[in-house]
PDB file of N, CA and C in Angstrom:
ATOM      1  N   MET A   1     -30.721 -90.344 -33.776  1.00  0.00           N
ATOM      2  CA  MET A   1     -29.607 -91.266 -33.633  1.00  0.00           C
ATOM      3  C   MET A   1     -29.697 -91.964 -32.292  1.00  0.00           C
ATOM      4  N   THR A   2     -29.175 -93.155 -32.274  1.00  0.00           N
ATOM      5  CA  THR A   2     -29.186 -93.897 -31.018  1.00  0.00           C
ATOM      6  C   THR A   2     -28.004 -93.456 -30.170  1.00  0.00           C
ATOM      7  N   LYS A   3     -28.053 -93.831 -28.936  1.00  0.00           N
ATOM      8  CA  LYS A   3     -26.994 -93.478 -28.002  1.00  0.00           C
ATOM      9  C   LYS A   3     -25.652 -94.061 -28.461  1.00  0.00           C
ATOM     10  N   THR A   4     -25.661 -95.257 -29.010  1.00  0.00           N
ATOM     11  CA  THR A   4     -24.437 -95.898 -29.492  1.00  0.00           C
ATOM     12  C   THR A   4     -23.838 -95.116 -30.653  1.00  0.00           C
ATOM     13  N   LYS A   5     -24.670 -94.638 -31.554  1.00  0.00           N
ATOM     14  CA  LYS A   5     -24.173 -93.863 -32.689  1.00  0.00           C
ATOM     15  C   LYS A   5     -23.566 -92.542 -32.226  1.00  0.00           C
ATOM     16  N   HIS A   6     -24.173 -91.915 -31.231  1.00  0.00           N
ATOM     17  CA  HIS A   6     -23.636 -90.671 -30.679  1.00  0.00           C
ATOM     18  C   HIS A   6     -22.250 -90.911 -30.073  1.00  0.00           C
ATOM     19  N   ILE A   7     -22.122 -91.994 -29.348  1.00  0.00           N
ATOM     20  CA  ILE A   7     -20.841 -92.321 -28.715  1.00  0.00           C
ATOM     21  C   ILE A   7     -19.780 -92.605 -29.778  1.00  0.00           C
ATOM     22  N   LEU A   8     -20.144 -93.371 -30.798  1.00  0.00           N
ATOM     23  CA  LEU A   8     -19.190 -93.675 -31.878  1.00  0.00           C
ATOM     24  C   LEU A   8     -18.777 -92.418 -32.626  1.00  0.00           C
ATOM     25  N   THR A   9     -19.721 -91.536 -32.887  1.00  0.00           N
ATOM     26  CA  THR A   9     -19.413 -90.267 -33.563  1.00  0.00           C
ATOM     27  C   THR A   9     -18.455 -89.434 -32.720  1.00  0.00           C
ATOM     28  N   LEU A  10     -18.707 -89.365 -31.439  1.00  0.00           N
ATOM     29  CA  LEU A  10     -17.844 -88.624 -30.530  1.00  0.00           C
ATOM     30  C   LEU A  10     -16.441 -89.228 -30.501  1.00  0.00           C
ATOM     31  N   LEU A  11     -16.333 -90.533 -30.467  1.00  0.00           N
ATOM     32  CA  LEU A  11     -15.031 -91.192 -30.463  1.00  0.00           C
ATOM     33  C   LEU A  11     -14.250 -90.917 -31.749  1.00  0.00           C
ATOM     34  N   VAL A  12     -14.951 -90.924 -32.879  1.00  0.00           N
ATOM     35  CA  VAL A  12     -14.292 -90.628 -34.159  1.00  0.00           C
ATOM     36  C   VAL A  12     -13.775 -89.192 -34.165  1.00  0.00           C
ATOM     37  N   ILE A  13     -14.565 -88.266 -33.678  1.00  0.00           N
ATOM     38  CA  ILE A  13     -14.154 -86.858 -33.628  1.00  0.00           C
ATOM     39  C   ILE A  13     -12.951 -86.690 -32.711  1.00  0.00           C
ATOM     40  N   LEU A  14     -12.979 -87.327 -31.563  1.00  0.00           N
ATOM     41  CA  LEU A  14     -11.854 -87.241 -30.632  1.00  0.00           C
ATOM     42  C   LEU A  14     -10.593 -87.860 -31.227  1.00  0.00           C
ATOM     43  N   ALA A  15     -10.731 -88.967 -31.924  1.00  0.00           N
ATOM     44  CA  ALA A  15      -9.585 -89.607 -32.553  1.00  0.00           C
ATOM     45  C   ALA A  15      -8.982 -88.707 -33.628  1.00  0.00           C
ATOM     46  N   MET A  16      -9.831 -88.073 -34.420  1.00  0.00           N
ATOM     47  CA  MET A  16      -9.351 -87.166 -35.461  1.00  0.00           C
ATOM     48  C   MET A  16      -8.643 -85.963 -34.849  1.00  0.00           C
ATOM     49  N   ALA A  17      -9.171 -85.456 -33.764  1.00  0.00           N
ATOM     50  CA  ALA A  17      -8.547 -84.320 -33.087  1.00  0.00           C
ATOM     51  C   ALA A  17      -7.188 -84.714 -32.527  1.00  0.00           C
ATOM     52  N   ALA A  18      -7.089 -85.914 -31.979  1.00  0.00           N
ATOM     53  CA  ALA A  18      -5.815 -86.386 -31.429  1.00  0.00           C
ATOM     54  C   ALA A  18      -4.766 -86.538 -32.525  1.00  0.00           C
ATOM     55  N   VAL A  19      -5.148 -87.079 -33.659  1.00  0.00           N
ATOM     56  CA  VAL A  19      -4.215 -87.245 -34.776  1.00  0.00           C
ATOM     57  C   VAL A  19      -3.765 -85.885 -35.287  1.00  0.00           C
ATOM     58  N   SER A  20      -4.665 -84.928 -35.388  1.00  0.00           N
ATOM     59  CA  SER A  20      -4.322 -83.588 -35.846  1.00  0.00           C
ATOM     60  C   SER A  20      -3.340 -82.929 -34.897  1.00  0.00           C
ATOM     61  N   THR A  21      -3.542 -83.083 -33.604  1.00  0.00           N
ATOM     62  CA  THR A  21      -2.655 -82.493 -32.609  1.00  0.00           C
ATOM     63  C   THR A  21      -1.264 -83.095 -32.697  1.00  0.00           C
ATOM     64  N   VAL A  22      -1.159 -84.391 -32.858  1.00  0.00           N
ATOM     65  CA  VAL A  22       0.140 -85.049 -32.969  1.00  0.00           C
ATOM     66  C   VAL A  22       0.855 -84.574 -34.219  1.00  0.00           C
ATOM     67  N   SER A  23       0.171 -84.451 -35.335  1.00  0.00           N
ATOM     68  CA  SER A  23       0.779 -83.998 -36.583  1.00  0.00           C
ATOM     69  C   SER A  23       1.283 -82.577 -36.465  1.00  0.00           C
ATOM     70  N   LEU A  24       0.517 -81.706 -35.835  1.00  0.00           N
ATOM     71  CA  LEU A  24       0.935 -80.320 -35.672  1.00  0.00           C
ATOM     72  C   LEU A  24       2.129 -80.212 -34.742  1.00  0.00           C
ATOM     73  N   GLY A  25       2.210 -81.041 -33.731  1.00  0.00           N
ATOM     74  CA  GLY A  25       3.331 -80.998 -32.800  1.00  0.00           C
ATOM     75  C   GLY A  25       4.647 -81.278 -33.479  1.00  0.00           C
ATOM     76  N   ALA A  26       4.661 -82.133 -34.471  1.00  0.00           N
ATOM     77  CA  ALA A  26       5.894 -82.430 -35.193  1.00  0.00           C
ATOM     78  C   ALA A  26       6.403 -81.213 -35.943  1.00  0.00           C
ATOM     79  N   ALA A  27       5.515 -80.346 -36.396  1.00  0.00           N
ATOM     80  CA  ALA A  27       5.921 -79.156 -37.136  1.00  0.00           C
ATOM     81  C   ALA A  27       6.463 -78.070 -36.223  1.00  0.00           C
ATOM     82  N   ASP A  28       6.261 -78.204 -34.908  1.00  0.00           N
ATOM     83  CA  ASP A  28       6.706 -77.194 -33.968  1.00  0.00           C
ATOM     84  C   ASP A  28       8.175 -77.317 -33.586  1.00  0.00           C
ATOM     85  N   LYS A  29       8.863 -78.354 -34.046  1.00  0.00           N
ATOM     86  CA  LYS A  29      10.258 -78.530 -33.680  1.00  0.00           C
ATOM     87  C   LYS A  29      11.089 -77.418 -34.283  1.00  0.00           C
ATOM     88  N   PRO A  30      12.083 -76.873 -33.519  1.00  0.00           N
ATOM     89  CA  PRO A  30      12.915 -75.816 -34.054  1.00  0.00           C
ATOM     90  C   PRO A  30      13.761 -76.305 -35.225  1.00  0.00           C
ATOM     91  N   ALA A  31      14.098 -75.381 -36.112  1.00  0.00           N
ATOM     92  CA  ALA A  31      14.805 -75.733 -37.347  1.00  0.00           C
ATOM     93  C   ALA A  31      16.170 -76.368 -37.084  1.00  0.00           C
ATOM     94  N   GLY A  32      16.857 -75.988 -36.019  1.00  0.00           N
ATOM     95  CA  GLY A  32      18.182 -76.528 -35.772  1.00  0.00           C
ATOM     96  C   GLY A  32      18.211 -77.751 -34.894  1.00  0.00           C
ATOM     97  N   ALA A  33      17.094 -78.395 -34.677  1.00  0.00           N
ATOM     98  CA  ALA A  33      17.028 -79.497 -33.743  1.00  0.00           C
ATOM     99  C   ALA A  33      17.629 -80.782 -34.284  1.00  0.00           C
ATOM    100  N   GLY A  34      17.711 -80.955 -35.576  1.00  0.00           N
ATOM    101  CA  GLY A  34      18.217 -82.198 -36.148  1.00  0.00           C
ATOM    102  C   GLY A  34      19.715 -82.171 -36.331  1.00  0.00           C
ATOM    103  N   ALA A  35      20.315 -83.350 -36.420  1.00  0.00           N
ATOM    104  CA  ALA A  35      21.753 -83.446 -36.599  1.00  0.00           C
ATOM    105  C   ALA A  35      22.188 -82.889 -37.950  1.00  0.00           C
ATOM    106  N   ASP A  36      21.262 -82.774 -38.910  1.00  0.00           N
ATOM    107  CA  ASP A  36      21.605 -82.265 -40.222  1.00  0.00           C
ATOM    108  C   ASP A  36      21.723 -80.746 -40.255  1.00  0.00           C
ATOM    109  N   LYS A  37      21.424 -80.076 -39.169  1.00  0.00           N
ATOM    110  CA  LYS A  37      21.474 -78.616 -39.099  1.00  0.00           C
ATOM    111  C   LYS A  37      22.477 -78.140 -38.052  1.00  0.00           C
ATOM    112  N   LEU A  38      23.553 -78.852 -37.863  1.00  0.00           N
ATOM    113  CA  LEU A  38      24.557 -78.445 -36.885  1.00  0.00           C
ATOM    114  C   LEU A  38      25.243 -77.162 -37.331  1.00  0.00           C
ATOM    115  N   VAL A  39      25.590 -76.316 -36.376  1.00  0.00           N
ATOM    116  CA  VAL A  39      26.288 -75.073 -36.653  1.00  0.00           C
ATOM    117  C   VAL A  39      27.783 -75.335 -36.508  1.00  0.00           C
ATOM    118  N   ASN A  40      28.523 -75.060 -37.559  1.00  0.00           N
ATOM    119  CA  ASN A  40      29.973 -75.229 -37.532  1.00  0.00           C
ATOM    120  C   ASN A  40      30.571 -73.993 -36.883  1.00  0.00           C
ATOM    121  N   ILE A  41      31.150 -74.165 -35.705  1.00  0.00           N
ATOM    122  CA  ILE A  41      31.670 -73.015 -34.960  1.00  0.00           C
ATOM    123  C   ILE A  41      32.942 -72.442 -35.577  1.00  0.00           C
ATOM    124  N   ASN A  42      33.521 -73.128 -36.547  1.00  0.00           N
ATOM    125  CA  ASN A  42      34.697 -72.598 -37.246  1.00  0.00           C
ATOM    126  C   ASN A  42      34.332 -71.791 -38.483  1.00  0.00           C
ATOM    127  N   THR A  43      33.101 -71.916 -38.967  1.00  0.00           N
ATOM    128  CA  THR A  43      32.724 -71.207 -40.191  1.00  0.00           C
ATOM    129  C   THR A  43      31.491 -70.322 -40.031  1.00  0.00           C
ATOM    130  N   ALA A  44      30.746 -70.480 -38.953  1.00  0.00           N
ATOM    131  CA  ALA A  44      29.504 -69.714 -38.764  1.00  0.00           C
ATOM    132  C   ALA A  44      29.800 -68.236 -38.579  1.00  0.00           C
ATOM    133  N   ASP A  45      28.899 -67.409 -39.104  1.00  0.00           N
ATOM    134  CA  ASP A  45      29.030 -65.977 -38.876  1.00  0.00           C
ATOM    135  C   ASP A  45      28.322 -65.609 -37.567  1.00  0.00           C
ATOM    136  N   ALA A  46      28.389 -64.337 -37.214  1.00  0.00           N
ATOM    137  CA  ALA A  46      27.823 -63.888 -35.934  1.00  0.00           C
ATOM    138  C   ALA A  46      26.322 -64.150 -35.856  1.00  0.00           C
ATOM    139  N   ALA A  47      25.601 -63.966 -36.951  1.00  0.00           N
ATOM    140  CA  ALA A  47      24.151 -64.168 -36.940  1.00  0.00           C
ATOM    141  C   ALA A  47      23.802 -65.632 -36.696  1.00  0.00           C
ATOM    142  N   GLN A  48      24.534 -66.542 -37.320  1.00  0.00           N
ATOM    143  CA  GLN A  48      24.279 -67.970 -37.118  1.00  0.00           C
ATOM    144  C   GLN A  48      24.578 -68.368 -35.680  1.00  0.00           C
ATOM    145  N   LEU A  49      25.678 -67.872 -35.137  1.00  0.00           N
ATOM    146  CA  LEU A  49      26.034 -68.196 -33.760  1.00  0.00           C
ATOM    147  C   LEU A  49      25.017 -67.620 -32.776  1.00  0.00           C
ATOM    148  N   ALA A  50      24.547 -66.418 -33.043  1.00  0.00           N
ATOM    149  CA  ALA A  50      23.602 -65.757 -32.125  1.00  0.00           C
ATOM    150  C   ALA A  50      22.263 -66.482 -32.060  1.00  0.00           C
ATOM    151  N   ARG A  51      21.945 -67.310 -33.037  1.00  0.00           N
ATOM    152  CA  ARG A  51      20.691 -68.073 -33.006  1.00  0.00           C
ATOM    153  C   ARG A  51      20.769 -69.293 -32.094  1.00  0.00           C
ATOM    154  N   LEU A  52      21.963 -69.639 -31.656  1.00  0.00           N
ATOM    155  CA  LEU A  52      22.115 -70.764 -30.732  1.00  0.00           C
ATOM    156  C   LEU A  52      21.595 -70.373 -29.353  1.00  0.00           C
ATOM    157  N   PRO A  53      21.106 -71.345 -28.577  1.00  0.00           N
ATOM    158  CA  PRO A  53      20.620 -71.019 -27.225  1.00  0.00           C
ATOM    159  C   PRO A  53      21.752 -70.498 -26.355  1.00  0.00           C
ATOM    160  N   GLN A  54      21.439 -69.496 -25.561  1.00  0.00           N
ATOM    161  CA  GLN A  54      22.382 -68.889 -24.623  1.00  0.00           C
ATOM    162  C   GLN A  54      23.464 -68.058 -25.320  1.00  0.00           C
ATOM    163  N   VAL A  55      23.380 -67.882 -26.630  1.00  0.00           N
ATOM    164  CA  VAL A  55      24.370 -67.087 -27.359  1.00  0.00           C
ATOM    165  C   VAL A  55      23.646 -65.911 -28.002  1.00  0.00           C
ATOM    166  N   GLY A  56      23.983 -64.727 -27.552  1.00  0.00           N
ATOM    167  CA  GLY A  56      23.439 -63.519 -28.161  1.00  0.00           C
ATOM    168  C   GLY A  56      24.511 -62.864 -29.015  1.00  0.00           C
ATOM    169  N   PRO A  57      24.276 -61.638 -29.442  1.00  0.00           N
ATOM    170  CA  PRO A  57      25.254 -60.954 -30.293  1.00  0.00           C
ATOM    171  C   PRO A  57      26.627 -60.765 -29.642  1.00  0.00           C
ATOM    172  N   LYS A  58      26.650 -60.441 -28.353  1.00  0.00           N
ATOM    173  CA  LYS A  58      27.938 -60.227 -27.678  1.00  0.00           C
ATOM    174  C   LYS A  58      28.717 -61.534 -27.554  1.00  0.00           C
ATOM    175  N   MET A  59      28.035 -62.600 -27.166  1.00  0.00           N
ATOM    176  CA  MET A  59      28.702 -63.898 -27.040  1.00  0.00           C
ATOM    177  C   MET A  59      29.169 -64.378 -28.414  1.00  0.00           C
ATOM    178  N   ALA A  60      28.365 -64.152 -29.433  1.00  0.00           N
ATOM    179  CA  ALA A  60      28.748 -64.547 -30.791  1.00  0.00           C
ATOM    180  C   ALA A  60      30.038 -63.829 -31.193  1.00  0.00           C
ATOM    181  N   GLN A  61      30.134 -62.548 -30.860  1.00  0.00           N
ATOM    182  CA  GLN A  61      31.346 -61.799 -31.192  1.00  0.00           C
ATOM    183  C   GLN A  61      32.554 -62.329 -30.419  1.00  0.00           C
ATOM    184  N   ARG A  62      32.353 -62.724 -29.157  1.00  0.00           N
ATOM    185  CA  ARG A  62      33.460 -63.304 -28.386  1.00  0.00           C
ATOM    186  C   ARG A  62      33.923 -64.616 -29.007  1.00  0.00           C
ATOM    187  N   ILE A  63      32.964 -65.406 -29.522  1.00  0.00           N
ATOM    188  CA  ILE A  63      33.325 -66.665 -30.188  1.00  0.00           C
ATOM    189  C   ILE A  63      34.145 -66.362 -31.443  1.00  0.00           C
ATOM    190  N   LEU A  64      33.708 -65.376 -32.231  1.00  0.00           N
ATOM    191  CA  LEU A  64      34.447 -64.998 -33.443  1.00  0.00           C
ATOM    192  C   LEU A  64      35.839 -64.477 -33.106  1.00  0.00           C
ATOM    193  N   ASP A  65      35.930 -63.653 -32.063  1.00  0.00           N
ATOM    194  CA  ASP A  65      37.230 -63.114 -31.651  1.00  0.00           C
ATOM    195  C   ASP A  65      38.168 -64.236 -31.205  1.00  0.00           C
ATOM    196  N   PHE A  66      37.638 -65.170 -30.407  1.00  0.00           N
ATOM    197  CA  PHE A  66      38.448 -66.296 -29.958  1.00  0.00           C
ATOM    198  C   PHE A  66      38.906 -67.136 -31.139  1.00  0.00           C
ATOM    199  N   ARG A  67      38.007 -67.381 -32.058  1.00  0.00           N
ATOM    200  CA  ARG A  67      38.319 -68.186 -33.246  1.00  0.00           C
ATOM    201  C   ARG A  67      39.437 -67.532 -34.054  1.00  0.00           C
ATOM    202  N   LYS A  68      39.354 -66.220 -34.201  1.00  0.00           N
ATOM    203  CA  LYS A  68      40.368 -65.489 -34.968  1.00  0.00           C
ATOM    204  C   LYS A  68      41.727 -65.503 -34.264  1.00  0.00           C
ATOM    205  N   SER A  69      41.719 -65.288 -32.961  1.00  0.00           N
ATOM    206  CA  SER A  69      42.986 -65.205 -32.221  1.00  0.00           C
ATOM    207  C   SER A  69      43.641 -66.568 -32.004  1.00  0.00           C
ATOM    208  N   SER A  70      42.841 -67.630 -31.996  1.00  0.00           N
ATOM    209  CA  SER A  70      43.416 -68.954 -31.724  1.00  0.00           C
ATOM    210  C   SER A  70      43.625 -69.779 -32.986  1.00  0.00           C
ATOM    211  N   GLY A  71      43.197 -69.254 -34.118  1.00  0.00           N
ATOM    212  CA  GLY A  71      43.349 -70.009 -35.355  1.00  0.00           C
ATOM    213  C   GLY A  71      42.253 -71.039 -35.573  1.00  0.00           C
ATOM    214  N   GLY A  72      41.161 -70.898 -34.866  1.00  0.00           N
ATOM    215  CA  GLY A  72      40.032 -71.814 -35.033  1.00  0.00           C
ATOM    216  C   GLY A  72      39.943 -72.812 -33.903  1.00  0.00           C
ATOM    217  N   PHE A  73      38.807 -73.468 -33.849  1.00  0.00           N
ATOM    218  CA  PHE A  73      38.563 -74.469 -32.824  1.00  0.00           C
ATOM    219  C   PHE A  73      39.066 -75.816 -33.317  1.00  0.00           C
ATOM    220  N   LYS A  74      39.811 -76.505 -32.486  1.00  0.00           N
ATOM    221  CA  LYS A  74      40.322 -77.839 -32.830  1.00  0.00           C
ATOM    222  C   LYS A  74      39.293 -78.921 -32.498  1.00  0.00           C
ATOM    223  N   ARG A  75      38.484 -78.657 -31.468  1.00  0.00           N
ATOM    224  CA  ARG A  75      37.419 -79.564 -31.031  1.00  0.00           C
ATOM    225  C   ARG A  75      36.314 -78.718 -30.421  1.00  0.00           C
ATOM    226  N   VAL A  76      35.108 -79.235 -30.386  1.00  0.00           N
ATOM    227  CA  VAL A  76      33.992 -78.430 -29.883  1.00  0.00           C
ATOM    228  C   VAL A  76      34.175 -78.030 -28.420  1.00  0.00           C
ATOM    229  N   GLN A  77      34.896 -78.843 -27.658  1.00  0.00           N
ATOM    230  CA  GLN A  77      35.126 -78.530 -26.243  1.00  0.00           C
ATOM    231  C   GLN A  77      35.959 -77.265 -26.059  1.00  0.00           C
ATOM    232  N   ASP A  78      36.676 -76.834 -27.104  1.00  0.00           N
ATOM    233  CA  ASP A  78      37.442 -75.594 -27.023  1.00  0.00           C
ATOM    234  C   ASP A  78      36.537 -74.388 -26.821  1.00  0.00           C
ATOM    235  N   LEU A  79      35.257 -74.544 -27.101  1.00  0.00           N
ATOM    236  CA  LEU A  79      34.305 -73.463 -26.886  1.00  0.00           C
ATOM    237  C   LEU A  79      34.261 -73.062 -25.405  1.00  0.00           C
ATOM    238  N   LEU A  80      34.628 -73.989 -24.526  1.00  0.00           N
ATOM    239  CA  LEU A  80      34.678 -73.688 -23.087  1.00  0.00           C
ATOM    240  C   LEU A  80      35.733 -72.634 -22.761  1.00  0.00           C
ATOM    241  N   LYS A  81      36.666 -72.399 -23.659  1.00  0.00           N
ATOM    242  CA  LYS A  81      37.711 -71.398 -23.446  1.00  0.00           C
ATOM    243  C   LYS A  81      37.217 -69.981 -23.706  1.00  0.00           C
ATOM    244  N   VAL A  82      36.051 -69.848 -24.303  1.00  0.00           N
ATOM    245  CA  VAL A  82      35.472 -68.534 -24.585  1.00  0.00           C
ATOM    246  C   VAL A  82      34.837 -67.992 -23.307  1.00  0.00           C
ATOM    247  N   LYS A  83      35.166 -66.750 -22.976  1.00  0.00           N
ATOM    248  CA  LYS A  83      34.637 -66.118 -21.767  1.00  0.00           C
ATOM    249  C   LYS A  83      33.112 -66.128 -21.808  1.00  0.00           C
ATOM    250  N   GLY A  84      32.500 -66.613 -20.737  1.00  0.00           N
ATOM    251  CA  GLY A  84      31.055 -66.643 -20.630  1.00  0.00           C
ATOM    252  C   GLY A  84      30.432 -67.987 -20.974  1.00  0.00           C
ATOM    253  N   ILE A  85      31.239 -68.903 -21.502  1.00  0.00           N
ATOM    254  CA  ILE A  85      30.711 -70.234 -21.807  1.00  0.00           C
ATOM    255  C   ILE A  85      31.264 -71.208 -20.782  1.00  0.00           C
ATOM    256  N   GLY A  86      30.391 -71.635 -19.907  1.00  0.00           N
ATOM    257  CA  GLY A  86      30.749 -72.609 -18.889  1.00  0.00           C
ATOM    258  C   GLY A  86      30.146 -73.961 -19.218  1.00  0.00           C
ATOM    259  N   GLU A  87      30.220 -74.859 -18.271  1.00  0.00           N
ATOM    260  CA  GLU A  87      29.741 -76.227 -18.468  1.00  0.00           C
ATOM    261  C   GLU A  87      28.248 -76.279 -18.810  1.00  0.00           C
ATOM    262  N   LYS A  88      27.438 -75.474 -18.114  1.00  0.00           N
ATOM    263  CA  LYS A  88      25.988 -75.518 -18.336  1.00  0.00           C
ATOM    264  C   LYS A  88      25.617 -75.011 -19.734  1.00  0.00           C
ATOM    265  N   VAL A  89      26.218 -73.911 -20.135  1.00  0.00           N
ATOM    266  CA  VAL A  89      25.939 -73.369 -21.472  1.00  0.00           C
ATOM    267  C   VAL A  89      26.463 -74.335 -22.527  1.00  0.00           C
ATOM    268  N   PHE A  90      27.661 -74.857 -22.318  1.00  0.00           N
ATOM    269  CA  PHE A  90      28.234 -75.794 -23.285  1.00  0.00           C
ATOM    270  C   PHE A  90      27.360 -77.038 -23.444  1.00  0.00           C
ATOM    271  N   ALA A  91      26.793 -77.507 -22.345  1.00  0.00           N
ATOM    272  CA  ALA A  91      25.927 -78.694 -22.406  1.00  0.00           C
ATOM    273  C   ALA A  91      24.717 -78.445 -23.313  1.00  0.00           C
ATOM    274  N   LYS A  92      24.207 -77.215 -23.323  1.00  0.00           N
ATOM    275  CA  LYS A  92      23.083 -76.891 -24.202  1.00  0.00           C
ATOM    276  C   LYS A  92      23.528 -76.749 -25.656  1.00  0.00           C
ATOM    277  N   LEU A  93      24.756 -76.280 -25.857  1.00  0.00           N
ATOM    278  CA  LEU A  93      25.258 -76.045 -27.203  1.00  0.00           C
ATOM    279  C   LEU A  93      25.803 -77.295 -27.883  1.00  0.00           C
ATOM    280  N   GLN A  94      26.384 -78.198 -27.127  1.00  0.00           N
ATOM    281  CA  GLN A  94      27.104 -79.340 -27.677  1.00  0.00           C
ATOM    282  C   GLN A  94      26.308 -80.147 -28.714  1.00  0.00           C
ATOM    283  N   PRO A  95      25.023 -80.440 -28.485  1.00  0.00           N
ATOM    284  CA  PRO A  95      24.310 -81.223 -29.507  1.00  0.00           C
ATOM    285  C   PRO A  95      24.004 -80.428 -30.783  1.00  0.00           C
ATOM    286  N   LEU A  96      24.238 -79.127 -30.758  1.00  0.00           N
ATOM    287  CA  LEU A  96      23.871 -78.267 -31.880  1.00  0.00           C
ATOM    288  C   LEU A  96      25.056 -77.781 -32.707  1.00  0.00           C
ATOM    289  N   ILE A  97      26.271 -78.104 -32.253  1.00  0.00           N
ATOM    290  CA  ILE A  97      27.456 -77.554 -32.914  1.00  0.00           C
ATOM    291  C   ILE A  97      28.390 -78.645 -33.421  1.00  0.00           C
ATOM    292  N   THR A  98      29.249 -78.251 -34.330  1.00  0.00           N
ATOM    293  CA  THR A  98      30.270 -79.132 -34.878  1.00  0.00           C
ATOM    294  C   THR A  98      31.468 -78.285 -35.273  1.00  0.00           C
ATOM    295  N   ILE A  99      32.552 -78.956 -35.660  1.00  0.00           N
ATOM    296  CA  ILE A  99      33.712 -78.236 -36.193  1.00  0.00           C
ATOM    297  C   ILE A  99      34.002 -78.725 -37.598  1.00  0.00           C
TER     298      ILE A  99
END
């Protein structure tokens, strides 16, 4: 093969590798990243809540307890009333939750 053919072959291989990498990256997105997978904080169970970032089993139980004692969340910002959820945690949760 000539030097030009070697270069063209290498470019084709690199292009194919780049396309494969981009395609695989799209599959790496977490399941709850889209707006169609929002967690309803008024209906979610402890397991669903615990899958949210910064929310483990104990925090999930505090959310459930607050929801029960207050009659539910009127707006997502009410989540700030739950012990342990401050502005920084709420900022991470806000795009992932709904009422």
